[in-house]
C-alpha atoms as a PDB file:
ATOM      1  CA  MET A   1     -40.592  -8.878 143.655  1.00  0.00           C
ATOM      2  CA  THR A   2     -38.415 -11.976 143.849  1.00  0.00           C
ATOM      3  CA  GLN A   3     -35.665 -11.974 146.407  1.00  0.00           C
ATOM      4  CA  THR A   4     -32.562 -14.080 146.007  1.00  0.00           C
ATOM      5  CA  ILE A   5     -29.963 -15.135 148.496  1.00  0.00           C
ATOM      6  CA  PRO A   6     -26.757 -17.075 147.818  1.00  0.00           C
ATOM      7  CA  GLN A   7     -27.237 -20.822 148.263  1.00  0.00           C
ATOM      8  CA  GLN A   8     -24.164 -21.146 150.489  1.00  0.00           C
ATOM      9  CA  GLN A   9     -25.564 -18.509 152.823  1.00  0.00           C
ATOM     10  CA  VAL A  10     -28.816 -20.481 153.082  1.00  0.00           C
ATOM     11  CA  ASN A  11     -26.889 -23.748 153.585  1.00  0.00           C
ATOM     12  CA  ASP A  12     -24.763 -22.203 156.334  1.00  0.00           C
ATOM     13  CA  ALA A  13     -27.768 -20.641 158.075  1.00  0.00           C
ATOM     14  CA  LEU A  14     -29.727 -23.911 157.974  1.00  0.00           C
ATOM     15  CA  PHE A  15     -26.739 -25.850 159.310  1.00  0.00           C
ATOM     16  CA  SER A  16     -26.419 -23.357 162.153  1.00  0.00           C
ATOM     17  CA  PHE A  17     -30.160 -23.743 162.812  1.00  0.00           C
ATOM     18  CA  LEU A  18     -29.870 -27.563 162.729  1.00  0.00           C
ATOM     19  CA  GLN A  19     -26.915 -27.510 165.103  1.00  0.00           C
ATOM     20  CA  SER A  20     -28.694 -25.204 167.551  1.00  0.00           C
ATOM     21  CA  ILE A  21     -31.869 -27.275 167.515  1.00  0.00           C
ATOM     22  CA  TYR A  22     -29.916 -30.517 167.897  1.00  0.00           C
ATOM     23  CA  LEU A  23     -27.996 -29.191 170.921  1.00  0.00           C
ATOM     24  CA  PHE A  24     -31.165 -27.644 172.351  1.00  0.00           C
ATOM     25  CA  GLU A  25     -32.968 -31.003 172.131  1.00  0.00           C
ATOM     26  CA  GLN A  26     -30.023 -32.861 173.648  1.00  0.00           C
ATOM     27  CA  ARG A  27     -30.045 -30.487 176.603  1.00  0.00           C
ATOM     28  CA  GLU A  28     -33.787 -31.035 177.088  1.00  0.00           C
ATOM     29  CA  VAL A  29     -33.458 -34.820 176.883  1.00  0.00           C
ATOM     30  CA  GLU A  30     -30.668 -34.768 179.463  1.00  0.00           C
ATOM     31  CA  ARG A  31     -32.474 -32.359 181.785  1.00  0.00           C
ATOM     32  CA  PHE A  32     -36.118 -33.493 181.441  1.00  0.00           C
ATOM     33  CA  HIS A  33     -35.828 -37.105 180.193  1.00  0.00           C
ATOM     34  CA  VAL A  34     -38.223 -36.665 177.274  1.00  0.00           C
ATOM     35  CA  ASP A  35     -37.332 -36.304 173.612  1.00  0.00           C
ATOM     36  CA  TRP A  36     -38.831 -33.812 171.220  1.00  0.00           C
ATOM     37  CA  ASN A  37     -41.291 -36.297 169.741  1.00  0.00           C
ATOM     38  CA  GLU A  38     -42.683 -36.808 173.224  1.00  0.00           C
ATOM     39  CA  VAL A  39     -42.673 -33.083 174.019  1.00  0.00           C
ATOM     40  CA  TYR A  40     -44.483 -32.378 170.752  1.00  0.00           C
ATOM     41  CA  LEU A  41     -47.050 -35.106 171.484  1.00  0.00           C
ATOM     42  CA  LEU A  42     -47.646 -33.692 174.978  1.00  0.00           C
ATOM     43  CA  GLN A  43     -47.981 -30.188 173.532  1.00  0.00           C
ATOM     44  CA  LEU A  44     -50.558 -31.524 171.061  1.00  0.00           C
ATOM     45  CA  LEU A  45     -52.505 -33.108 173.922  1.00  0.00           C
ATOM     46  CA  ILE A  46     -52.559 -29.806 175.804  1.00  0.00           C
ATOM     47  CA  ARG A  47     -53.935 -28.027 172.742  1.00  0.00           C
ATOM     48  CA  TYR A  48     -56.181 -30.843 171.481  1.00  0.00           C
ATOM     49  CA  PRO A  49     -57.286 -32.991 174.450  1.00  0.00           C
ATOM     50  CA  GLY A  50     -58.754 -36.379 173.647  1.00  0.00           C
ATOM     51  CA  MET A  51     -56.994 -36.981 170.348  1.00  0.00           C
ATOM     52  CA  ARG A  52     -57.149 -40.460 168.859  1.00  0.00           C
ATOM     53  CA  ILE A  53     -53.962 -42.308 167.941  1.00  0.00           C
ATOM     54  CA  SER A  54     -54.711 -41.812 164.245  1.00  0.00           C
ATOM     55  CA  GLU A  55     -55.147 -38.048 164.739  1.00  0.00           C
ATOM     56  CA  ILE A  56     -51.851 -37.801 166.614  1.00  0.00           C
ATOM     57  CA  SER A  57     -50.124 -39.883 163.934  1.00  0.00           C
ATOM     58  CA  ASN A  58     -51.497 -37.602 161.240  1.00  0.00           C
ATOM     59  CA  ARG A  59     -50.275 -34.461 163.041  1.00  0.00           C
ATOM     60  CA  MET A  60     -46.852 -35.975 163.689  1.00  0.00           C
ATOM     61  CA  SER A  61     -46.528 -37.595 160.244  1.00  0.00           C
ATOM     62  CA  VAL A  62     -45.740 -41.015 161.711  1.00  0.00           C
ATOM     63  CA  LYS A  63     -47.363 -44.451 161.564  1.00  0.00           C
ATOM     64  CA  ASP A  64     -50.006 -45.372 164.142  1.00  0.00           C
ATOM     65  CA  PHE A  65     -47.781 -48.051 165.713  1.00  0.00           C
ATOM     66  CA  VAL A  66     -45.079 -45.430 166.346  1.00  0.00           C
ATOM     67  CA  THR A  67     -47.612 -43.160 168.032  1.00  0.00           C
ATOM     68  CA  SER A  68     -49.022 -46.057 170.040  1.00  0.00           C
ATOM     69  CA  ARG A  69     -45.532 -46.923 171.334  1.00  0.00           C
ATOM     70  CA  MET A  70     -44.901 -43.294 172.231  1.00  0.00           C
ATOM     71  CA  VAL A  71     -48.213 -43.032 174.096  1.00  0.00           C
ATOM     72  CA  THR A  72     -47.427 -46.282 175.941  1.00  0.00           C
ATOM     73  CA  LYS A  73     -44.046 -44.863 177.005  1.00  0.00           C
ATOM     74  CA  LEU A  74     -45.698 -41.632 178.171  1.00  0.00           C
ATOM     75  CA  GLU A  75     -48.354 -43.649 180.041  1.00  0.00           C
ATOM     76  CA  LYS A  76     -45.664 -45.643 181.856  1.00  0.00           C
ATOM     77  CA  ALA A  77     -44.011 -42.363 182.826  1.00  0.00           C
ATOM     78  CA  GLY A  78     -47.360 -41.046 184.109  1.00  0.00           C
ATOM     79  CA  LEU A  79     -47.439 -38.218 181.544  1.00  0.00           C
ATOM     80  CA  ALA A  80     -50.424 -39.324 179.429  1.00  0.00           C
ATOM     81  CA  ASN A  81     -53.302 -41.761 179.553  1.00  0.00           C
ATOM     82  CA  ARG A  82     -55.782 -43.440 177.252  1.00  0.00           C
ATOM     83  CA  ILE A  83     -59.455 -43.247 178.080  1.00  0.00           C
ATOM     84  CA  ALA A  84     -62.409 -44.816 176.311  1.00  0.00           C
ATOM     85  CA  SER A  85     -64.573 -42.192 174.624  1.00  0.00           C
ATOM     86  CA  LYS A  86     -67.728 -41.256 176.509  1.00  0.00           C
ATOM     87  CA  THR A  87     -69.725 -41.296 173.264  1.00  0.00           C
ATOM     88  CA  ASP A  88     -68.276 -44.476 171.713  1.00  0.00           C
ATOM     89  CA  LYS A  89     -66.567 -46.991 174.004  1.00  0.00           C
ATOM     90  CA  ARG A  90     -64.755 -48.526 170.998  1.00  0.00           C
ATOM     91  CA  VAL A  91     -62.827 -45.279 170.554  1.00  0.00           C
ATOM     92  CA  VAL A  92     -59.807 -44.544 172.738  1.00  0.00           C
ATOM     93  CA  GLU A  93     -58.778 -40.958 173.349  1.00  0.00           C
ATOM     94  CA  VAL A  94     -55.410 -39.801 174.658  1.00  0.00           C
ATOM     95  CA  PHE A  95     -55.079 -37.133 177.345  1.00  0.00           C
ATOM     96  CA  ILE A  96     -52.169 -35.456 179.078  1.00  0.00           C
ATOM     97  CA  THR A  97     -52.025 -36.039 182.839  1.00  0.00           C
ATOM     98  CA  SER A  98     -51.331 -33.427 185.486  1.00  0.00           C
ATOM     99  CA  GLU A  99     -47.785 -34.841 185.657  1.00  0.00           C
ATOM    100  CA  GLY A 100     -47.483 -34.340 181.900  1.00  0.00           C
ATOM    101  CA  ARG A 101     -48.664 -30.758 182.218  1.00  0.00           C
ATOM    102  CA  ALA A 102     -46.159 -30.171 185.014  1.00  0.00           C
ATOM    103  CA  LYS A 103     -43.370 -31.611 182.841  1.00  0.00           C
ATOM    104  CA  ILE A 104     -44.281 -29.300 179.950  1.00  0.00           C
ATOM    105  CA  GLN A 105     -44.523 -26.351 182.347  1.00  0.00           C
ATOM    106  CA  SER A 106     -41.031 -27.134 183.670  1.00  0.00           C
ATOM    107  CA  ILE A 107     -39.654 -27.299 180.137  1.00  0.00           C
ATOM    108  CA  GLU A 108     -41.366 -24.059 179.144  1.00  0.00           C
ATOM    109  CA  ASP A 109     -40.162 -22.299 182.308  1.00  0.00           C
ATOM    110  CA  PHE A 110     -36.592 -23.457 181.694  1.00  0.00           C
ATOM    111  CA  ASN A 111     -36.706 -22.399 178.041  1.00  0.00           C
ATOM    112  CA  TYR A 112     -38.188 -19.003 178.906  1.00  0.00           C
ATOM    113  CA  SER A 113     -35.484 -18.457 181.503  1.00  0.00           C
ATOM    114  CA  THR A 114     -32.802 -19.467 179.004  1.00  0.00           C
ATOM    115  CA  VAL A 115     -34.110 -17.106 176.326  1.00  0.00           C
ATOM    116  CA  SER A 116     -34.773 -14.271 178.760  1.00  0.00           C
ATOM    117  CA  SER A 117     -31.255 -14.418 180.172  1.00  0.00           C
ATOM    118  CA  SER A 118     -29.829 -13.899 176.663  1.00  0.00           C
ATOM    119  CA  LEU A 119     -32.025 -11.003 175.556  1.00  0.00           C
ATOM    120  CA  HIS A 120     -29.466  -8.390 176.578  1.00  0.00           C
ATOM    121  CA  HIS A 121     -27.487  -9.373 173.458  1.00  0.00           C
ATOM    122  CA  PHE A 122     -30.265  -8.031 171.206  1.00  0.00           C
ATOM    123  CA  THR A 123     -32.067  -4.775 170.563  1.00  0.00           C
ATOM    124  CA  PRO A 124     -35.877  -4.701 170.994  1.00  0.00           C
ATOM    125  CA  GLU A 125     -36.208  -4.621 167.198  1.00  0.00           C
ATOM    126  CA  GLN A 126     -33.993  -7.699 166.830  1.00  0.00           C
ATOM    127  CA  ILE A 127     -36.002  -9.539 169.490  1.00  0.00           C
ATOM    128  CA  HIS A 128     -39.244  -8.703 167.699  1.00  0.00           C
ATOM    129  CA  MET A 129     -37.782  -9.843 164.374  1.00  0.00           C
ATOM    130  CA  LEU A 130     -36.427 -13.087 165.884  1.00  0.00           C
ATOM    131  CA  LEU A 131     -39.722 -13.997 167.516  1.00  0.00           C
ATOM    132  CA  ASN A 132     -41.642 -13.137 164.352  1.00  0.00           C
ATOM    133  CA  THR A 133     -39.281 -15.251 162.229  1.00  0.00           C
ATOM    134  CA  ILE A 134     -39.433 -18.195 164.630  1.00  0.00           C
ATOM    135  CA  GLY A 135     -43.232 -17.994 164.474  1.00  0.00           C
ATOM    136  CA  GLN A 136     -43.065 -18.180 160.678  1.00  0.00           C
ATOM    137  CA  LEU A 137     -40.481 -20.947 160.238  1.00  0.00           C
ATOM    138  CA  ASP A 138     -43.109 -23.251 158.795  1.00  0.00           C
ATOM    139  CA  THR A 139     -43.720 -20.719 156.019  1.00  0.00           C
ATOM    140  CA  LEU A 140     -40.023 -20.066 155.456  1.00  0.00           C
ATOM    141  CA  LEU A 141     -39.281 -23.800 155.239  1.00  0.00           C
ATOM    142  CA  ASN A 142     -42.462 -24.569 153.276  1.00  0.00           C
ATOM    143  CA  LEU A 143     -43.885 -26.782 156.016  1.00  0.00           C
ATOM    144  CA  LYS A 144     -47.399 -27.184 157.306  1.00  0.00           C
ATOM    145  CA  PRO A 145     -48.144 -29.618 160.117  1.00  0.00           C
ATOM    146  CA  GLU A 146     -50.272 -32.510 158.869  1.00  0.00           C
ATOM    147  CA  GLY A 147     -53.928 -32.288 159.751  1.00  0.00           C
ATOM    148  CA  GLU A 148     -53.737 -28.551 160.280  1.00  0.00           C
ATOM    149  CA  LYS A 149     -55.398 -25.997 158.079  1.00  0.00           C
ATOM    150  CA  GLN A 150     -53.404 -22.866 157.405  1.00  0.00           C
ATOM    151  CA  ASP A 151     -55.939 -20.689 159.227  1.00  0.00           C
ATOM    152  CA  ASP A 152     -56.015 -22.766 162.429  1.00  0.00           C
ATOM    153  CA  HIS A 153     -52.267 -22.601 162.995  1.00  0.00           C
ATOM    154  CA  ASN A 154     -51.569 -21.897 166.663  1.00  0.00           C
ATOM    155  CA  SER A 155     -55.256 -22.093 167.565  1.00  0.00           C
ATOM    156  CA  THR A 156     -56.658 -24.319 170.287  1.00  0.00           C
ATOM    157  CA  LYS A 157     -59.385 -26.903 170.158  1.00  0.00           C
ATOM    158  CA  PRO A 158     -62.612 -25.789 171.852  1.00  0.00           C
END
């Protein structure tokens, strides 16, 4: 069964989504002094410790030099570090520091508090539907993070 929806309704909904995400990111940058590229990179390092620059670049769909600059900025802020691989000293792996983990925890705590304080506007069914939809945005928008198989979405590296 094919479902249709008026294009203007989709356009309006996506603009509303874009506006919300833009304002949400601006608030995080102002409050936590990291942008979403950096937050995403730190989140990747929590889930996949010891990633190489090329692996990060692949996941983020950016060039290696962009990733390298981002990692350097995070290193200077004490949020990440590069360490030579124990198995091959020519390989450099990137790890999140305890300060980086604390920064992500602060962001997550703030975001949880923000969302939790607004839940009274929604029924339990609406909350369930919202969270389910947010978890499936990649499918709705026909996106799949680079370097990620469909079946390992939201999984963690051993």
